[in-house]
Amino acid sequence: MGRFTAEALGDYCAGPNHVLPTSSKARYSSPLGVYDFQKRSSLINCSAVGAQNLGKIASVLARGESLTAHARSAEFRI
């Protein structure tokens, strides 16, 4: 939420994660449970000062994965 909250902050720094297990990773992921049938949402709101601090971290991590668009989205808000 908000103009300082880049997608990359959620991916790398703020806690919520939208990555799901794929391919063979399902072999060692958690079994189906009660929480799999509940809808959960996460909201992130980052201030300008927070974007200054977290944006640098998110940028380094995104570039380490060769995700330049993610890196740029964080850098744009610094």
N, C-alpha and C. Protein backbone atom coordinates (compact mmCIF):
# COMPACT_ATOMS: atom_id res chain seq x y z
N MET A 1 0.84 -1.18 0.00
CA MET A 1 0.00 0.00 0.00
C MET A 1 0.89 1.24 0.00
N GLY A 2 0.52 2.20 -0.73
CA GLY A 2 1.24 3.46 -0.72
C GLY A 2 2.32 3.54 -1.78
N ARG A 3 2.70 4.75 -2.11
CA ARG A 3 3.64 4.95 -3.21
C ARG A 3 5.06 4.56 -2.89
N PHE A 4 5.41 4.40 -1.64
CA PHE A 4 6.77 4.00 -1.26
C PHE A 4 6.90 2.49 -1.07
N THR A 5 5.82 1.76 -1.21
CA THR A 5 5.82 0.32 -0.96
C THR A 5 6.01 -0.44 -2.26
N ALA A 6 7.23 -0.78 -2.56
CA ALA A 6 7.56 -1.52 -3.79
C ALA A 6 7.23 -3.00 -3.61
N GLU A 7 6.90 -3.66 -4.69
CA GLU A 7 6.65 -5.10 -4.68
C GLU A 7 7.84 -5.85 -4.11
N ALA A 8 9.04 -5.41 -4.44
CA ALA A 8 10.26 -6.08 -4.00
C ALA A 8 10.41 -6.06 -2.48
N LEU A 9 9.86 -5.06 -1.80
CA LEU A 9 9.96 -5.03 -0.34
C LEU A 9 9.22 -6.22 0.27
N GLY A 10 8.06 -6.54 -0.28
CA GLY A 10 7.32 -7.70 0.19
C GLY A 10 8.03 -9.00 -0.11
N ASP A 11 8.69 -9.04 -1.26
CA ASP A 11 9.40 -10.26 -1.65
C ASP A 11 10.63 -10.52 -0.79
N TYR A 12 11.35 -9.47 -0.42
CA TYR A 12 12.65 -9.65 0.21
C TYR A 12 12.77 -9.19 1.65
N CYS A 13 12.00 -8.21 2.07
CA CYS A 13 12.30 -7.57 3.35
C CYS A 13 11.16 -7.55 4.37
N ALA A 14 9.94 -7.38 3.93
CA ALA A 14 8.87 -7.04 4.85
C ALA A 14 8.17 -8.24 5.50
N GLY A 15 8.42 -9.44 5.03
CA GLY A 15 7.83 -10.60 5.68
C GLY A 15 6.88 -11.39 4.82
N PRO A 16 5.77 -10.81 4.32
CA PRO A 16 4.85 -11.61 3.51
C PRO A 16 5.53 -12.16 2.27
N ASN A 17 5.08 -13.28 1.82
CA ASN A 17 5.70 -13.93 0.69
C ASN A 17 4.61 -14.51 -0.20
N HIS A 18 4.74 -14.38 -1.50
CA HIS A 18 3.74 -14.94 -2.41
C HIS A 18 4.29 -16.09 -3.25
N VAL A 19 5.45 -16.59 -2.92
CA VAL A 19 6.05 -17.68 -3.67
C VAL A 19 5.45 -19.00 -3.24
N LEU A 20 5.03 -19.79 -4.19
CA LEU A 20 4.44 -21.09 -3.92
C LEU A 20 5.39 -22.20 -4.36
N PRO A 21 5.35 -23.37 -3.73
CA PRO A 21 6.23 -24.46 -4.16
C PRO A 21 5.85 -24.95 -5.55
N THR A 22 6.85 -25.21 -6.38
CA THR A 22 6.61 -25.69 -7.73
C THR A 22 7.48 -26.92 -8.00
N SER A 23 7.18 -27.59 -9.07
CA SER A 23 7.92 -28.77 -9.53
C SER A 23 8.10 -29.78 -8.40
N SER A 24 9.31 -30.24 -8.20
CA SER A 24 9.56 -31.29 -7.21
C SER A 24 9.61 -30.77 -5.78
N LYS A 25 9.53 -29.46 -5.58
CA LYS A 25 9.58 -28.91 -4.23
C LYS A 25 8.39 -29.34 -3.40
N ALA A 26 7.33 -29.73 -4.05
CA ALA A 26 6.15 -30.20 -3.33
C ALA A 26 6.44 -31.48 -2.54
N ARG A 27 7.51 -32.18 -2.88
CA ARG A 27 7.86 -33.40 -2.15
C ARG A 27 8.16 -33.13 -0.69
N TYR A 28 8.74 -31.99 -0.40
CA TYR A 28 9.11 -31.71 0.99
C TYR A 28 8.39 -30.50 1.57
N SER A 29 7.35 -30.01 0.89
CA SER A 29 6.57 -28.91 1.46
C SER A 29 5.59 -29.48 2.49
N SER A 30 5.00 -28.60 3.24
CA SER A 30 4.08 -29.02 4.30
C SER A 30 2.87 -29.76 3.73
N PRO A 31 2.33 -30.69 4.50
CA PRO A 31 1.12 -31.39 4.04
C PRO A 31 -0.08 -30.45 4.11
N LEU A 32 -1.14 -30.82 3.44
CA LEU A 32 -2.37 -30.05 3.44
C LEU A 32 -2.90 -29.93 4.86
N GLY A 33 -3.29 -28.76 5.25
CA GLY A 33 -3.79 -28.53 6.60
C GLY A 33 -4.96 -27.55 6.60
N VAL A 34 -5.44 -27.23 7.78
CA VAL A 34 -6.58 -26.33 7.93
C VAL A 34 -6.31 -24.98 7.29
N TYR A 35 -5.10 -24.46 7.45
CA TYR A 35 -4.79 -23.14 6.92
C TYR A 35 -4.81 -23.09 5.40
N ASP A 36 -4.69 -24.23 4.74
CA ASP A 36 -4.77 -24.25 3.28
C ASP A 36 -6.16 -23.92 2.77
N PHE A 37 -7.16 -24.01 3.62
CA PHE A 37 -8.54 -23.75 3.23
C PHE A 37 -9.01 -22.38 3.70
N GLN A 38 -8.12 -21.59 4.27
CA GLN A 38 -8.47 -20.25 4.71
C GLN A 38 -7.77 -19.23 3.82
N LYS A 39 -8.48 -18.17 3.52
CA LYS A 39 -7.88 -17.10 2.73
C LYS A 39 -7.17 -16.15 3.68
N ARG A 40 -5.91 -15.92 3.42
CA ARG A 40 -5.12 -14.99 4.22
C ARG A 40 -4.56 -13.91 3.32
N SER A 41 -4.52 -12.70 3.80
CA SER A 41 -3.97 -11.58 3.04
C SER A 41 -2.98 -10.82 3.91
N SER A 42 -2.01 -10.23 3.27
CA SER A 42 -1.02 -9.41 3.96
C SER A 42 -1.00 -8.03 3.33
N LEU A 43 -0.91 -7.02 4.16
CA LEU A 43 -0.80 -5.64 3.69
C LEU A 43 0.51 -5.07 4.20
N ILE A 44 1.18 -4.33 3.35
CA ILE A 44 2.44 -3.68 3.73
C ILE A 44 2.27 -2.19 3.44
N ASN A 45 2.67 -1.36 4.36
CA ASN A 45 2.68 0.07 4.15
C ASN A 45 4.05 0.58 4.56
N CYS A 46 4.75 1.18 3.64
CA CYS A 46 6.13 1.61 3.88
C CYS A 46 6.21 3.13 3.77
N SER A 47 6.86 3.76 4.70
CA SER A 47 7.06 5.21 4.67
C SER A 47 8.25 5.54 3.78
N ALA A 48 8.46 6.82 3.55
CA ALA A 48 9.60 7.26 2.75
C ALA A 48 10.91 6.85 3.42
N VAL A 49 10.99 6.98 4.74
CA VAL A 49 12.20 6.58 5.47
C VAL A 49 12.40 5.07 5.38
N GLY A 50 11.32 4.31 5.51
CA GLY A 50 11.41 2.86 5.38
C GLY A 50 11.86 2.44 3.99
N ALA A 51 11.36 3.14 2.97
CA ALA A 51 11.76 2.83 1.60
C ALA A 51 13.24 3.11 1.38
N GLN A 52 13.77 4.12 2.05
CA GLN A 52 15.21 4.42 1.97
C GLN A 52 16.04 3.25 2.49
N ASN A 53 15.64 2.72 3.63
CA ASN A 53 16.39 1.63 4.27
C ASN A 53 16.15 0.29 3.59
N LEU A 54 14.90 -0.08 3.44
CA LEU A 54 14.57 -1.40 2.88
C LEU A 54 14.81 -1.48 1.39
N GLY A 55 14.65 -0.36 0.69
CA GLY A 55 14.84 -0.36 -0.76
C GLY A 55 16.24 -0.76 -1.17
N LYS A 56 17.22 -0.33 -0.42
CA LYS A 56 18.61 -0.69 -0.73
C LYS A 56 18.82 -2.18 -0.57
N ILE A 57 18.26 -2.74 0.50
CA ILE A 57 18.40 -4.19 0.75
C ILE A 57 17.68 -4.97 -0.33
N ALA A 58 16.45 -4.58 -0.63
CA ALA A 58 15.67 -5.29 -1.66
C ALA A 58 16.36 -5.22 -3.01
N SER A 59 16.96 -4.10 -3.33
CA SER A 59 17.65 -3.94 -4.60
C SER A 59 18.83 -4.91 -4.72
N VAL A 60 19.62 -5.00 -3.68
CA VAL A 60 20.78 -5.91 -3.69
C VAL A 60 20.32 -7.36 -3.86
N LEU A 61 19.30 -7.75 -3.11
CA LEU A 61 18.81 -9.13 -3.19
C LEU A 61 18.20 -9.42 -4.56
N ALA A 62 17.43 -8.48 -5.10
CA ALA A 62 16.81 -8.69 -6.41
C ALA A 62 17.87 -8.80 -7.50
N ARG A 63 18.86 -7.94 -7.44
CA ARG A 63 19.94 -8.01 -8.45
C ARG A 63 20.74 -9.31 -8.32
N GLY A 64 20.86 -9.82 -7.11
CA GLY A 64 21.52 -11.10 -6.90
C GLY A 64 20.78 -12.25 -7.57
N GLU A 65 19.48 -12.08 -7.76
CA GLU A 65 18.66 -13.08 -8.46
C GLU A 65 18.41 -12.71 -9.92
N SER A 66 19.10 -11.66 -10.38
CA SER A 66 18.94 -11.16 -11.76
C SER A 66 17.52 -10.70 -12.06
N LEU A 67 16.84 -10.17 -11.06
CA LEU A 67 15.50 -9.63 -11.24
C LEU A 67 15.60 -8.11 -11.25
N THR A 68 16.05 -7.58 -12.37
CA THR A 68 16.33 -6.15 -12.45
C THR A 68 15.08 -5.29 -12.31
N ALA A 69 13.94 -5.76 -12.78
CA ALA A 69 12.71 -4.97 -12.63
C ALA A 69 12.34 -4.83 -11.16
N HIS A 70 12.51 -5.89 -10.39
CA HIS A 70 12.26 -5.81 -8.95
C HIS A 70 13.24 -4.81 -8.31
N ALA A 71 14.50 -4.90 -8.68
CA ALA A 71 15.51 -4.00 -8.14
C ALA A 71 15.17 -2.54 -8.47
N ARG A 72 14.79 -2.30 -9.70
CA ARG A 72 14.46 -0.94 -10.11
C ARG A 72 13.23 -0.41 -9.40
N SER A 73 12.26 -1.28 -9.13
CA SER A 73 11.05 -0.82 -8.43
C SER A 73 11.40 -0.33 -7.02
N ALA A 74 12.35 -0.98 -6.38
CA ALA A 74 12.78 -0.55 -5.06
C ALA A 74 13.65 0.70 -5.15
N GLU A 75 14.55 0.74 -6.12
CA GLU A 75 15.44 1.88 -6.29
C GLU A 75 14.68 3.16 -6.65
N PHE A 76 13.62 3.01 -7.41
CA PHE A 76 12.80 4.16 -7.81
C PHE A 76 12.23 4.89 -6.61
N ARG A 77 12.00 4.16 -5.52
CA ARG A 77 11.39 4.74 -4.33
C ARG A 77 12.40 5.23 -3.30
N ILE A 78 13.68 5.08 -3.60
CA ILE A 78 14.72 5.54 -2.66
C ILE A 78 14.87 7.05 -2.81
